[in-house]
């Protein structure tokens, strides 16, 4: 077995364990965590017109919409990710509160195909599991890894993971294709991973 396939097997096991922990969180904890992230000062400077890629939550992911509303009050513009094909980076389509969303892959709500594609300055990234080196696990298709890597080749972007503290693990098995996060926000703390 090569190292990459071994790492993927370990990720599959971790993914199952951490999703079970995340799914066991009571609704009141989920709601309180979303409120905490929105009530704390955002750890990065944002200016009117800056573009932040956010996401609509899937399954029991942390819901970023309260944080998004706070950022919108500061003049931030948003994009939302769109799956355009297996093995391809996500398209980041512009969206604002009040604009309609359509049903995308896996039922994820996303902007219509007519929305402009814009490269974000900051990415809010959903997480299944994360560690203190900045590695994360998603659902296994590598969309965010490809997207972050592609964006970083074009411009300076900051990747900010959003998670419940229970999603932290001691070590994520990393592979060469994995893109590291710069920060992780949980209900307990702001974890700054830059320079690690």
C-alpha atoms as a PDB file:
ATOM      1  CA  UNK A   1       0.000   0.000   0.000  1.00  0.00           C
ATOM      2  CA  UNK A   2       1.464   3.386  -0.907  1.00  0.00           C
ATOM      3  CA  UNK A   3       1.572   6.322   1.513  1.00  0.00           C
ATOM      4  CA  UNK A   4      -1.207   8.279  -0.203  1.00  0.00           C
ATOM      5  CA  UNK A   5      -3.690   5.388  -0.162  1.00  0.00           C
ATOM      6  CA  UNK A   6      -2.772   4.652   3.480  1.00  0.00           C
ATOM      7  CA  UNK A   7      -3.424   8.312   4.365  1.00  0.00           C
ATOM      8  CA  UNK A   8      -6.761   8.166   2.521  1.00  0.00           C
ATOM      9  CA  UNK A   9      -7.754   5.046   4.509  1.00  0.00           C
ATOM     10  CA  UNK A  10      -6.891   6.824   7.761  1.00  0.00           C
ATOM     11  CA  UNK A  11      -8.881   9.865   6.631  1.00  0.00           C
ATOM     12  CA  UNK A  12     -11.912   7.668   5.910  1.00  0.00           C
ATOM     13  CA  UNK A  13     -11.814   6.285   9.457  1.00  0.00           C
ATOM     14  CA  UNK A  14     -11.285   9.740  11.006  1.00  0.00           C
ATOM     15  CA  UNK A  15     -14.063  11.190   8.856  1.00  0.00           C
ATOM     16  CA  UNK A  16     -16.537   8.587  10.120  1.00  0.00           C
ATOM     17  CA  UNK A  17     -15.540   9.128  13.783  1.00  0.00           C
ATOM     18  CA  UNK A  18     -15.589  12.928  13.683  1.00  0.00           C
ATOM     19  CA  UNK A  19     -18.861  13.141  11.732  1.00  0.00           C
ATOM     20  CA  UNK A  20     -20.443  10.948  14.443  1.00  0.00           C
ATOM     21  CA  UNK A  21     -19.160  13.352  17.138  1.00  0.00           C
ATOM     22  CA  UNK A  22     -20.338  16.393  15.178  1.00  0.00           C
ATOM     23  CA  UNK A  23     -23.754  14.871  14.469  1.00  0.00           C
ATOM     24  CA  UNK A  24     -24.204  14.095  18.186  1.00  0.00           C
ATOM     25  CA  UNK A  25     -23.991  17.778  19.128  1.00  0.00           C
ATOM     26  CA  UNK A  26     -27.328  19.126  20.380  1.00  0.00           C
ATOM     27  CA  UNK A  27     -29.082  21.796  18.313  1.00  0.00           C
ATOM     28  CA  UNK A  28     -28.586  24.334  21.121  1.00  0.00           C
ATOM     29  CA  UNK A  29     -24.796  23.837  20.900  1.00  0.00           C
ATOM     30  CA  UNK A  30     -24.849  24.284  17.124  1.00  0.00           C
ATOM     31  CA  UNK A  31     -26.846  27.494  17.434  1.00  0.00           C
ATOM     32  CA  UNK A  32     -24.637  28.842  20.254  1.00  0.00           C
ATOM     33  CA  UNK A  33     -21.476  28.129  18.248  1.00  0.00           C
ATOM     34  CA  UNK A  34     -22.796  30.010  15.216  1.00  0.00           C
ATOM     35  CA  UNK A  35     -23.696  32.946  17.504  1.00  0.00           C
ATOM     36  CA  UNK A  36     -20.249  32.897  19.143  1.00  0.00           C
ATOM     37  CA  UNK A  37     -18.431  33.058  15.818  1.00  0.00           C
ATOM     38  CA  UNK A  38     -20.608  35.987  14.738  1.00  0.00           C
ATOM     39  CA  UNK A  39     -20.264  37.880  18.033  1.00  0.00           C
ATOM     40  CA  UNK A  40     -16.454  37.729  18.272  1.00  0.00           C
ATOM     41  CA  UNK A  41     -14.305  40.201  16.346  1.00  0.00           C
ATOM     42  CA  UNK A  42     -13.397  38.654  12.990  1.00  0.00           C
ATOM     43  CA  UNK A  43      -9.659  37.797  13.187  1.00  0.00           C
ATOM     44  CA  UNK A  44      -8.784  39.371   9.820  1.00  0.00           C
ATOM     45  CA  UNK A  45      -9.088  42.948   8.649  1.00  0.00           C
ATOM     46  CA  UNK A  46     -11.982  43.322   6.233  1.00  0.00           C
ATOM     47  CA  UNK A  47     -12.727  46.356   4.122  1.00  0.00           C
ATOM     48  CA  UNK A  48     -15.760  47.320   2.029  1.00  0.00           C
ATOM     49  CA  UNK A  49     -15.689  45.525  -1.309  1.00  0.00           C
ATOM     50  CA  UNK A  50     -13.433  42.719  -0.092  1.00  0.00           C
ATOM     51  CA  UNK A  51     -14.606  39.329  -1.406  1.00  0.00           C
ATOM     52  CA  UNK A  52     -15.226  36.469   1.017  1.00  0.00           C
ATOM     53  CA  UNK A  53     -16.095  32.998  -0.177  1.00  0.00           C
ATOM     54  CA  UNK A  54     -18.620  31.525   2.233  1.00  0.00           C
ATOM     55  CA  UNK A  55     -20.764  28.369   2.024  1.00  0.00           C
ATOM     56  CA  UNK A  56     -24.252  27.124   2.685  1.00  0.00           C
ATOM     57  CA  UNK A  57     -24.070  24.369   5.317  1.00  0.00           C
ATOM     58  CA  UNK A  58     -24.388  20.729   4.305  1.00  0.00           C
ATOM     59  CA  UNK A  59     -25.723  18.136   6.743  1.00  0.00           C
ATOM     60  CA  UNK A  60     -24.658  19.198  10.257  1.00  0.00           C
ATOM     61  CA  UNK A  61     -21.846  21.570   9.306  1.00  0.00           C
ATOM     62  CA  UNK A  62     -21.434  24.734  11.314  1.00  0.00           C
ATOM     63  CA  UNK A  63     -23.809  27.305   9.820  1.00  0.00           C
ATOM     64  CA  UNK A  64     -21.836  30.440   8.841  1.00  0.00           C
ATOM     65  CA  UNK A  65     -24.812  32.627   7.957  1.00  0.00           C
ATOM     66  CA  UNK A  66     -24.760  34.778  11.130  1.00  0.00           C
ATOM     67  CA  UNK A  67     -21.049  35.438  10.630  1.00  0.00           C
ATOM     68  CA  UNK A  68     -21.765  36.225   6.975  1.00  0.00           C
ATOM     69  CA  UNK A  69     -24.433  38.767   7.964  1.00  0.00           C
ATOM     70  CA  UNK A  70     -21.943  40.463  10.284  1.00  0.00           C
ATOM     71  CA  UNK A  71     -19.353  40.615   7.489  1.00  0.00           C
ATOM     72  CA  UNK A  72     -22.002  41.911   5.070  1.00  0.00           C
ATOM     73  CA  UNK A  73     -22.613  44.834   7.464  1.00  0.00           C
ATOM     74  CA  UNK A  74     -18.914  45.686   7.045  1.00  0.00           C
ATOM     75  CA  UNK A  75     -19.343  45.898   3.261  1.00  0.00           C
ATOM     76  CA  UNK A  76     -17.962  42.486   2.319  1.00  0.00           C
ATOM     77  CA  UNK A  77     -19.065  40.924  -0.988  1.00  0.00           C
ATOM     78  CA  UNK A  78     -19.654  37.166  -1.088  1.00  0.00           C
ATOM     79  CA  UNK A  79     -19.091  34.259  -3.368  1.00  0.00           C
ATOM     80  CA  UNK A  80     -20.445  30.772  -2.813  1.00  0.00           C
ATOM     81  CA  UNK A  81     -18.779  27.606  -4.101  1.00  0.00           C
ATOM     82  CA  UNK A  82     -20.210  25.626  -6.989  1.00  0.00           C
ATOM     83  CA  UNK A  83     -19.149  22.108  -7.969  1.00  0.00           C
ATOM     84  CA  UNK A  84     -18.504  22.167 -11.717  1.00  0.00           C
ATOM     85  CA  UNK A  85     -17.135  18.657 -12.119  1.00  0.00           C
ATOM     86  CA  UNK A  86     -15.297  15.884 -10.342  1.00  0.00           C
ATOM     87  CA  UNK A  87     -11.565  16.553 -10.215  1.00  0.00           C
ATOM     88  CA  UNK A  88     -12.028  20.297 -10.884  1.00  0.00           C
ATOM     89  CA  UNK A  89     -11.669  23.249  -8.495  1.00  0.00           C
ATOM     90  CA  UNK A  90     -14.855  24.898  -7.265  1.00  0.00           C
ATOM     91  CA  UNK A  91     -16.219  27.896  -9.151  1.00  0.00           C
ATOM     92  CA  UNK A  92     -16.765  30.872  -6.831  1.00  0.00           C
ATOM     93  CA  UNK A  93     -19.951  32.648  -7.914  1.00  0.00           C
ATOM     94  CA  UNK A  94     -20.945  36.033  -6.578  1.00  0.00           C
ATOM     95  CA  UNK A  95     -23.975  36.162  -4.281  1.00  0.00           C
ATOM     96  CA  UNK A  96     -25.643  38.599  -1.864  1.00  0.00           C
ATOM     97  CA  UNK A  97     -28.258  38.101   0.835  1.00  0.00           C
ATOM     98  CA  UNK A  98     -31.730  38.239  -0.693  1.00  0.00           C
ATOM     99  CA  UNK A  99     -30.638  36.799  -4.039  1.00  0.00           C
ATOM    100  CA  UNK A 100     -32.116  33.416  -4.974  1.00  0.00           C
ATOM    101  CA  UNK A 101     -30.154  30.185  -4.702  1.00  0.00           C
ATOM    102  CA  UNK A 102     -30.612  27.038  -6.769  1.00  0.00           C
ATOM    103  CA  UNK A 103     -30.172  23.406  -5.811  1.00  0.00           C
ATOM    104  CA  UNK A 104     -26.716  22.118  -6.735  1.00  0.00           C
ATOM    105  CA  UNK A 105     -24.745  18.892  -6.310  1.00  0.00           C
ATOM    106  CA  UNK A 106     -25.768  16.980  -3.136  1.00  0.00           C
ATOM    107  CA  UNK A 107     -28.600  19.473  -2.653  1.00  0.00           C
ATOM    108  CA  UNK A 108     -26.212  22.296  -1.722  1.00  0.00           C
ATOM    109  CA  UNK A 109     -27.731  25.734  -2.298  1.00  0.00           C
ATOM    110  CA  UNK A 110     -25.668  27.786  -4.738  1.00  0.00           C
ATOM    111  CA  UNK A 111     -25.924  30.874  -6.981  1.00  0.00           C
ATOM    112  CA  UNK A 112     -27.383  30.424 -10.463  1.00  0.00           C
ATOM    113  CA  UNK A 113     -25.098  29.809 -13.443  1.00  0.00           C
ATOM    114  CA  UNK A 114     -25.650  33.422 -14.527  1.00  0.00           C
ATOM    115  CA  UNK A 115     -23.833  34.777 -11.434  1.00  0.00           C
ATOM    116  CA  UNK A 116     -20.356  36.224 -12.028  1.00  0.00           C
ATOM    117  CA  UNK A 117     -17.321  34.147 -11.031  1.00  0.00           C
ATOM    118  CA  UNK A 118     -15.012  36.115  -8.710  1.00  0.00           C
ATOM    119  CA  UNK A 119     -11.771  35.159  -6.947  1.00  0.00           C
ATOM    120  CA  UNK A 120     -12.177  35.711  -3.188  1.00  0.00           C
ATOM    121  CA  UNK A 121      -9.682  37.327  -0.811  1.00  0.00           C
ATOM    122  CA  UNK A 122     -10.775  35.158   2.125  1.00  0.00           C
ATOM    123  CA  UNK A 123     -12.293  31.669   2.040  1.00  0.00           C
ATOM    124  CA  UNK A 124     -14.540  30.416   4.820  1.00  0.00           C
ATOM    125  CA  UNK A 125     -14.048  26.671   4.590  1.00  0.00           C
ATOM    126  CA  UNK A 126     -16.282  23.895   5.968  1.00  0.00           C
ATOM    127  CA  UNK A 127     -14.458  21.198   7.909  1.00  0.00           C
ATOM    128  CA  UNK A 128     -15.106  17.586   8.846  1.00  0.00           C
ATOM    129  CA  UNK A 129     -11.908  17.364  10.952  1.00  0.00           C
ATOM    130  CA  UNK A 130      -8.833  19.545  11.516  1.00  0.00           C
ATOM    131  CA  UNK A 131      -5.548  19.587  13.396  1.00  0.00           C
ATOM    132  CA  UNK A 132      -3.191  22.277  14.700  1.00  0.00           C
ATOM    133  CA  UNK A 133      -0.887  22.103  11.687  1.00  0.00           C
ATOM    134  CA  UNK A 134      -3.631  23.528   9.445  1.00  0.00           C
ATOM    135  CA  UNK A 135      -4.629  20.291   7.767  1.00  0.00           C
ATOM    136  CA  UNK A 136      -8.294  19.461   7.354  1.00  0.00           C
ATOM    137  CA  UNK A 137     -10.499  16.663   6.156  1.00  0.00           C
ATOM    138  CA  UNK A 138     -13.573  17.315   4.086  1.00  0.00           C
ATOM    139  CA  UNK A 139     -15.846  14.738   2.496  1.00  0.00           C
ATOM    140  CA  UNK A 140     -13.039  13.258   0.404  1.00  0.00           C
ATOM    141  CA  UNK A 141     -13.383  14.708  -3.111  1.00  0.00           C
ATOM    142  CA  UNK A 142     -10.617  17.304  -2.639  1.00  0.00           C
ATOM    143  CA  UNK A 143     -12.605  20.242  -4.003  1.00  0.00           C
ATOM    144  CA  UNK A 144     -11.379  22.755  -1.421  1.00  0.00           C
ATOM    145  CA  UNK A 145      -7.771  21.533  -1.661  1.00  0.00           C
ATOM    146  CA  UNK A 146      -7.816  22.062  -5.439  1.00  0.00           C
ATOM    147  CA  UNK A 147      -9.560  25.411  -5.113  1.00  0.00           C
ATOM    148  CA  UNK A 148      -7.263  26.825  -2.422  1.00  0.00           C
ATOM    149  CA  UNK A 149      -4.165  25.671  -4.322  1.00  0.00           C
ATOM    150  CA  UNK A 150      -5.443  27.212  -7.576  1.00  0.00           C
ATOM    151  CA  UNK A 151      -6.355  30.516  -5.890  1.00  0.00           C
ATOM    152  CA  UNK A 152      -3.020  30.751  -4.040  1.00  0.00           C
ATOM    153  CA  UNK A 153      -1.233  30.358  -7.385  1.00  0.00           C
ATOM    154  CA  UNK A 154      -3.052  33.495  -8.607  1.00  0.00           C
ATOM    155  CA  UNK A 155      -3.225  35.757  -5.556  1.00  0.00           C
ATOM    156  CA  UNK A 156      -2.848  35.973  -1.803  1.00  0.00           C
ATOM    157  CA  UNK A 157      -5.865  34.365  -0.136  1.00  0.00           C
ATOM    158  CA  UNK A 158      -6.526  33.412   3.481  1.00  0.00           C
ATOM    159  CA  UNK A 159      -8.291  30.107   4.172  1.00  0.00           C
ATOM    160  CA  UNK A 160     -10.334  30.151   7.387  1.00  0.00           C
ATOM    161  CA  UNK A 161     -11.870  26.896   8.582  1.00  0.00           C
ATOM    162  CA  UNK A 162     -15.117  26.959  10.578  1.00  0.00           C
ATOM    163  CA  UNK A 163     -15.694  24.071  12.974  1.00  0.00           C
ATOM    164  CA  UNK A 164     -17.013  22.898  16.289  1.00  0.00           C
ATOM    165  CA  UNK A 165     -14.197  22.294  18.796  1.00  0.00           C
ATOM    166  CA  UNK A 166     -15.151  18.598  18.911  1.00  0.00           C
ATOM    167  CA  UNK A 167     -13.959  18.302  15.294  1.00  0.00           C
ATOM    168  CA  UNK A 168     -10.318  18.804  16.277  1.00  0.00           C
ATOM    169  CA  UNK A 169      -8.094  15.723  16.031  1.00  0.00           C
ATOM    170  CA  UNK A 170      -4.464  15.248  17.070  1.00  0.00           C
ATOM    171  CA  UNK A 171      -3.218  14.760  13.507  1.00  0.00           C
ATOM    172  CA  UNK A 172      -4.799  14.694  10.065  1.00  0.00           C
ATOM    173  CA  UNK A 173      -2.975  12.296   7.721  1.00  0.00           C
ATOM    174  CA  UNK A 174      -1.660  14.718   5.097  1.00  0.00           C
ATOM    175  CA  UNK A 175      -1.039  14.017   1.426  1.00  0.00           C
ATOM    176  CA  UNK A 176       0.809  16.183  -1.130  1.00  0.00           C
ATOM    177  CA  UNK A 177      -2.473  17.490  -2.595  1.00  0.00           C
ATOM    178  CA  UNK A 178      -3.730  18.868   0.750  1.00  0.00           C
ATOM    179  CA  UNK A 179      -3.927  22.658   1.117  1.00  0.00           C
ATOM    180  CA  UNK A 180      -3.375  23.992   4.630  1.00  0.00           C
ATOM    181  CA  UNK A 181      -5.711  26.363   6.433  1.00  0.00           C
ATOM    182  CA  UNK A 182      -4.474  29.696   7.808  1.00  0.00           C
ATOM    183  CA  UNK A 183      -6.929  29.903  10.708  1.00  0.00           C
ATOM    184  CA  UNK A 184      -9.644  27.807  12.307  1.00  0.00           C
ATOM    185  CA  UNK A 185     -12.540  29.372  14.211  1.00  0.00           C
ATOM    186  CA  UNK A 186     -14.344  27.287  16.843  1.00  0.00           C
ATOM    187  CA  UNK A 187     -16.647  28.205  19.704  1.00  0.00           C
ATOM    188  CA  UNK A 188     -13.667  27.983  22.070  1.00  0.00           C
ATOM    189  CA  UNK A 189     -10.968  29.917  20.231  1.00  0.00           C
ATOM    190  CA  UNK A 190      -9.418  31.455  17.164  1.00  0.00           C
ATOM    191  CA  UNK A 191      -6.574  29.144  16.107  1.00  0.00           C
ATOM    192  CA  UNK A 192      -3.969  31.001  14.060  1.00  0.00           C
ATOM    193  CA  UNK A 193      -2.002  28.484  11.999  1.00  0.00           C
ATOM    194  CA  UNK A 194       0.031  30.919   9.922  1.00  0.00           C
ATOM    195  CA  UNK A 195       3.754  30.381  10.333  1.00  0.00           C
ATOM    196  CA  UNK A 196       3.353  26.800  11.617  1.00  0.00           C
END
